[in-house]
Amino acid sequence: MLTYPDIDPVAIQLGPVAIHWYGLMGQVLSAPMILLGLLLIVLAYRQTARQR
């Protein structure tokens, strides 16, 4: 029979504050998408400013 792995979901714990690894992964994956979106907005703004 397969046994379920006993993985601790807490990555970092500072006193009463615990940061879970899946929360960190969400932030790590969200940050590049936000930066890419901002870059695309800046590039689109520069292109429209040149056309004026």
PDB file of N, CA and C in Angstrom:
ATOM      1  N   MET A   1       0.835  -1.175   0.000  1.00  0.00           N
ATOM      2  CA  MET A   1       0.000   0.000   0.000  1.00  0.00           C
ATOM      3  C   MET A   1       0.887   1.247   0.000  1.00  0.00           C
ATOM      4  N   LEU A   2       0.476   2.257  -0.734  1.00  0.00           N
ATOM      5  CA  LEU A   2       1.220   3.507  -0.788  1.00  0.00           C
ATOM      6  C   LEU A   2       0.963   4.326   0.469  1.00  0.00           C
ATOM      7  N   THR A   3       2.006   4.929   0.960  1.00  0.00           N
ATOM      8  CA  THR A   3       1.849   5.793   2.126  1.00  0.00           C
ATOM      9  C   THR A   3       1.898   7.249   1.685  1.00  0.00           C
ATOM     10  N   TYR A   4       1.104   8.059   2.309  1.00  0.00           N
ATOM     11  CA  TYR A   4       1.055   9.487   2.011  1.00  0.00           C
ATOM     12  C   TYR A   4       2.278  10.167   2.615  1.00  0.00           C
ATOM     13  N   PRO A   5       3.025  10.968   1.819  1.00  0.00           N
ATOM     14  CA  PRO A   5       4.216  11.609   2.380  1.00  0.00           C
ATOM     15  C   PRO A   5       3.843  12.663   3.422  1.00  0.00           C
ATOM     16  N   ASP A   6       4.603  12.700   4.476  1.00  0.00           N
ATOM     17  CA  ASP A   6       4.346  13.644   5.555  1.00  0.00           C
ATOM     18  C   ASP A   6       5.187  14.899   5.310  1.00  0.00           C
ATOM     19  N   ILE A   7       4.653  15.820   4.490  1.00  0.00           N
ATOM     20  CA  ILE A   7       5.355  17.041   4.121  1.00  0.00           C
ATOM     21  C   ILE A   7       4.808  18.186   4.969  1.00  0.00           C
ATOM     22  N   ASP A   8       5.705  18.904   5.615  1.00  0.00           N
ATOM     23  CA  ASP A   8       5.316  20.051   6.434  1.00  0.00           C
ATOM     24  C   ASP A   8       5.016  21.234   5.510  1.00  0.00           C
ATOM     25  N   PRO A   9       3.809  21.791   5.543  1.00  0.00           N
ATOM     26  CA  PRO A   9       3.468  22.887   4.645  1.00  0.00           C
ATOM     27  C   PRO A   9       4.089  24.223   5.039  1.00  0.00           C
ATOM     28  N   VAL A  10       4.673  24.307   6.228  1.00  0.00           N
ATOM     29  CA  VAL A  10       5.255  25.569   6.690  1.00  0.00           C
ATOM     30  C   VAL A  10       6.696  25.659   6.198  1.00  0.00           C
ATOM     31  N   ALA A  11       6.983  26.723   5.411  1.00  0.00           N
ATOM     32  CA  ALA A  11       8.334  26.928   4.908  1.00  0.00           C
ATOM     33  C   ALA A  11       9.164  27.716   5.915  1.00  0.00           C
ATOM     34  N   ILE A  12       8.589  28.799   6.436  1.00  0.00           N
ATOM     35  CA  ILE A  12       9.292  29.668   7.385  1.00  0.00           C
ATOM     36  C   ILE A  12       8.329  30.014   8.510  1.00  0.00           C
ATOM     37  N   GLN A  13       8.812  29.936   9.731  1.00  0.00           N
ATOM     38  CA  GLN A  13       7.982  30.324  10.866  1.00  0.00           C
ATOM     39  C   GLN A  13       8.762  31.295  11.736  1.00  0.00           C
ATOM     40  N   LEU A  14       8.211  32.493  11.891  1.00  0.00           N
ATOM     41  CA  LEU A  14       8.805  33.522  12.731  1.00  0.00           C
ATOM     42  C   LEU A  14       7.824  33.846  13.851  1.00  0.00           C
ATOM     43  N   GLY A  15       8.024  33.216  14.970  1.00  0.00           N
ATOM     44  CA  GLY A  15       7.104  33.393  16.085  1.00  0.00           C
ATOM     45  C   GLY A  15       5.727  32.859  15.726  1.00  0.00           C
ATOM     46  N   PRO A  16       4.681  33.679  15.887  1.00  0.00           N
ATOM     47  CA  PRO A  16       3.331  33.211  15.577  1.00  0.00           C
ATOM     48  C   PRO A  16       3.000  33.268  14.080  1.00  0.00           C
ATOM     49  N   VAL A  17       3.899  33.842  13.277  1.00  0.00           N
ATOM     50  CA  VAL A  17       3.643  33.990  11.842  1.00  0.00           C
ATOM     51  C   VAL A  17       4.283  32.827  11.091  1.00  0.00           C
ATOM     52  N   ALA A  18       3.467  32.089  10.355  1.00  0.00           N
ATOM     53  CA  ALA A  18       3.962  30.970   9.562  1.00  0.00           C
ATOM     54  C   ALA A  18       3.682  31.239   8.087  1.00  0.00           C
ATOM     55  N   ILE A  19       4.710  31.079   7.279  1.00  0.00           N
ATOM     56  CA  ILE A  19       4.573  31.252   5.830  1.00  0.00           C
ATOM     57  C   ILE A  19       4.634  29.871   5.190  1.00  0.00           C
ATOM     58  N   HIS A  20       3.585  29.541   4.469  1.00  0.00           N
ATOM     59  CA  HIS A  20       3.483  28.221   3.854  1.00  0.00           C
ATOM     60  C   HIS A  20       4.166  28.218   2.496  1.00  0.00           C
ATOM     61  N   TRP A  21       4.694  27.050   2.105  1.00  0.00           N
ATOM     62  CA  TRP A  21       5.443  26.959   0.863  1.00  0.00           C
ATOM     63  C   TRP A  21       4.563  27.228  -0.347  1.00  0.00           C
ATOM     64  N   TYR A  22       3.293  26.846  -0.318  1.00  0.00           N
ATOM     65  CA  TYR A  22       2.432  27.084  -1.477  1.00  0.00           C
ATOM     66  C   TYR A  22       2.102  28.565  -1.614  1.00  0.00           C
ATOM     67  N   GLY A  23       2.129  29.314  -0.532  1.00  0.00           N
ATOM     68  CA  GLY A  23       1.976  30.765  -0.613  1.00  0.00           C
ATOM     69  C   GLY A  23       3.195  31.403  -1.243  1.00  0.00           C
ATOM     70  N   LEU A  24       4.373  30.899  -0.890  1.00  0.00           N
ATOM     71  CA  LEU A  24       5.603  31.401  -1.505  1.00  0.00           C
ATOM     72  C   LEU A  24       5.622  31.109  -3.005  1.00  0.00           C
ATOM     73  N   MET A  25       5.197  29.926  -3.384  1.00  0.00           N
ATOM     74  CA  MET A  25       5.193  29.577  -4.807  1.00  0.00           C
ATOM     75  C   MET A  25       4.219  30.465  -5.581  1.00  0.00           C
ATOM     76  N   GLY A  26       3.108  30.796  -4.982  1.00  0.00           N
ATOM     77  CA  GLY A  26       2.162  31.705  -5.631  1.00  0.00           C
ATOM     78  C   GLY A  26       2.774  33.066  -5.872  1.00  0.00           C
ATOM     79  N   GLN A  27       3.508  33.563  -4.891  1.00  0.00           N
ATOM     80  CA  GLN A  27       4.168  34.860  -5.038  1.00  0.00           C
ATOM     81  C   GLN A  27       5.287  34.796  -6.065  1.00  0.00           C
ATOM     82  N   VAL A  28       6.059  33.726  -6.032  1.00  0.00           N
ATOM     83  CA  VAL A  28       7.178  33.572  -6.970  1.00  0.00           C
ATOM     84  C   VAL A  28       6.665  33.493  -8.407  1.00  0.00           C
ATOM     85  N   LEU A  29       5.541  32.843  -8.605  1.00  0.00           N
ATOM     86  CA  LEU A  29       4.999  32.723  -9.955  1.00  0.00           C
ATOM     87  C   LEU A  29       4.224  33.963 -10.383  1.00  0.00           C
ATOM     88  N   SER A  30       3.685  34.719  -9.461  1.00  0.00           N
ATOM     89  CA  SER A  30       2.922  35.917  -9.801  1.00  0.00           C
ATOM     90  C   SER A  30       3.818  37.094 -10.151  1.00  0.00           C
ATOM     91  N   ALA A  31       4.942  37.218  -9.488  1.00  0.00           N
ATOM     92  CA  ALA A  31       5.826  38.373  -9.684  1.00  0.00           C
ATOM     93  C   ALA A  31       6.297  38.531 -11.130  1.00  0.00           C
ATOM     94  N   PRO A  32       6.766  37.481 -11.815  1.00  0.00           N
ATOM     95  CA  PRO A  32       7.185  37.678 -13.210  1.00  0.00           C
ATOM     96  C   PRO A  32       6.031  38.067 -14.133  1.00  0.00           C
ATOM     97  N   MET A  33       4.843  37.571 -13.853  1.00  0.00           N
ATOM     98  CA  MET A  33       3.701  37.920 -14.701  1.00  0.00           C
ATOM     99  C   MET A  33       3.330  39.392 -14.531  1.00  0.00           C
ATOM    100  N   ILE A  34       3.400  39.887 -13.313  1.00  0.00           N
ATOM    101  CA  ILE A  34       3.110  41.304 -13.068  1.00  0.00           C
ATOM    102  C   ILE A  34       4.163  42.174 -13.736  1.00  0.00           C
ATOM    103  N   LEU A  35       5.439  41.794 -13.607  1.00  0.00           N
ATOM    104  CA  LEU A  35       6.511  42.563 -14.242  1.00  0.00           C
ATOM    105  C   LEU A  35       6.398  42.531 -15.760  1.00  0.00           C
ATOM    106  N   LEU A  36       6.033  41.403 -16.325  1.00  0.00           N
ATOM    107  CA  LEU A  36       5.844  41.306 -17.767  1.00  0.00           C
ATOM    108  C   LEU A  36       4.694  42.200 -18.219  1.00  0.00           C
ATOM    109  N   GLY A  37       3.620  42.228 -17.460  1.00  0.00           N
ATOM    110  CA  GLY A  37       2.494  43.099 -17.787  1.00  0.00           C
ATOM    111  C   GLY A  37       2.888  44.564 -17.747  1.00  0.00           C
ATOM    112  N   LEU A  38       3.650  44.961 -16.733  1.00  0.00           N
ATOM    113  CA  LEU A  38       4.113  46.349 -16.652  1.00  0.00           C
ATOM    114  C   LEU A  38       5.037  46.691 -17.816  1.00  0.00           C
ATOM    115  N   LEU A  39       5.900  45.769 -18.202  1.00  0.00           N
ATOM    116  CA  LEU A  39       6.795  45.995 -19.327  1.00  0.00           C
ATOM    117  C   LEU A  39       5.996  46.190 -20.616  1.00  0.00           C
ATOM    118  N   LEU A  40       4.981  45.388 -20.823  1.00  0.00           N
ATOM    119  CA  LEU A  40       4.160  45.518 -22.023  1.00  0.00           C
ATOM    120  C   LEU A  40       3.405  46.845 -22.040  1.00  0.00           C
ATOM    121  N   ILE A  41       2.948  47.294 -20.878  1.00  0.00           N
ATOM    122  CA  ILE A  41       2.264  48.589 -20.801  1.00  0.00           C
ATOM    123  C   ILE A  41       3.221  49.719 -21.154  1.00  0.00           C
ATOM    124  N   VAL A  42       4.448  49.667 -20.623  1.00  0.00           N
ATOM    125  CA  VAL A  42       5.439  50.705 -20.911  1.00  0.00           C
ATOM    126  C   VAL A  42       5.799  50.708 -22.389  1.00  0.00           C
ATOM    127  N   LEU A  43       5.997  49.539 -22.961  1.00  0.00           N
ATOM    128  CA  LEU A  43       6.338  49.471 -24.388  1.00  0.00           C
ATOM    129  C   LEU A  43       5.196  49.982 -25.262  1.00  0.00           C
ATOM    130  N   ALA A  44       3.973  49.678 -24.911  1.00  0.00           N
ATOM    131  CA  ALA A  44       2.830  50.169 -25.673  1.00  0.00           C
ATOM    132  C   ALA A  44       2.712  51.685 -25.548  1.00  0.00           C
ATOM    133  N   TYR A  45       2.981  52.217 -24.367  1.00  0.00           N
ATOM    134  CA  TYR A  45       2.917  53.667 -24.160  1.00  0.00           C
ATOM    135  C   TYR A  45       3.983  54.372 -24.989  1.00  0.00           C
ATOM    136  N   ARG A  46       5.197  53.816 -24.999  1.00  0.00           N
ATOM    137  CA  ARG A  46       6.272  54.426 -25.785  1.00  0.00           C
ATOM    138  C   ARG A  46       5.959  54.397 -27.278  1.00  0.00           C
ATOM    139  N   GLN A  47       5.366  53.328 -27.737  1.00  0.00           N
ATOM    140  CA  GLN A  47       5.036  53.216 -29.161  1.00  0.00           C
ATOM    141  C   GLN A  47       3.963  54.218 -29.552  1.00  0.00           C
ATOM    142  N   THR A  48       2.956  54.415 -28.716  1.00  0.00           N
ATOM    143  CA  THR A  48       1.904  55.367 -29.039  1.00  0.00           C
ATOM    144  C   THR A  48       2.422  56.798 -28.919  1.00  0.00           C
ATOM    145  N   ALA A  49       3.402  57.029 -28.020  1.00  0.00           N
ATOM    146  CA  ALA A  49       3.971  58.382 -27.887  1.00  0.00           C
ATOM    147  C   ALA A  49       4.795  58.743 -29.114  1.00  0.00           C
ATOM    148  N   ARG A  50       5.442  57.769 -29.739  1.00  0.00           N
ATOM    149  CA  ARG A  50       6.223  58.029 -30.953  1.00  0.00           C
ATOM    150  C   ARG A  50       5.343  58.366 -32.141  1.00  0.00           C
ATOM    151  N   GLN A  51       4.137  57.803 -32.172  1.00  0.00           N
ATOM    152  CA  GLN A  51       3.241  58.011 -33.322  1.00  0.00           C
ATOM    153  C   GLN A  51       2.605  59.385 -33.312  1.00  0.00           C
ATOM    154  N   ARG A  52       2.674  60.105 -32.229  1.00  0.00           N
ATOM    155  CA  ARG A  52       2.042  61.425 -32.156  1.00  0.00           C
ATOM    156  C   ARG A  52       2.865  62.456 -32.823  1.00  0.00           C
TER     157      ARG A  52
END
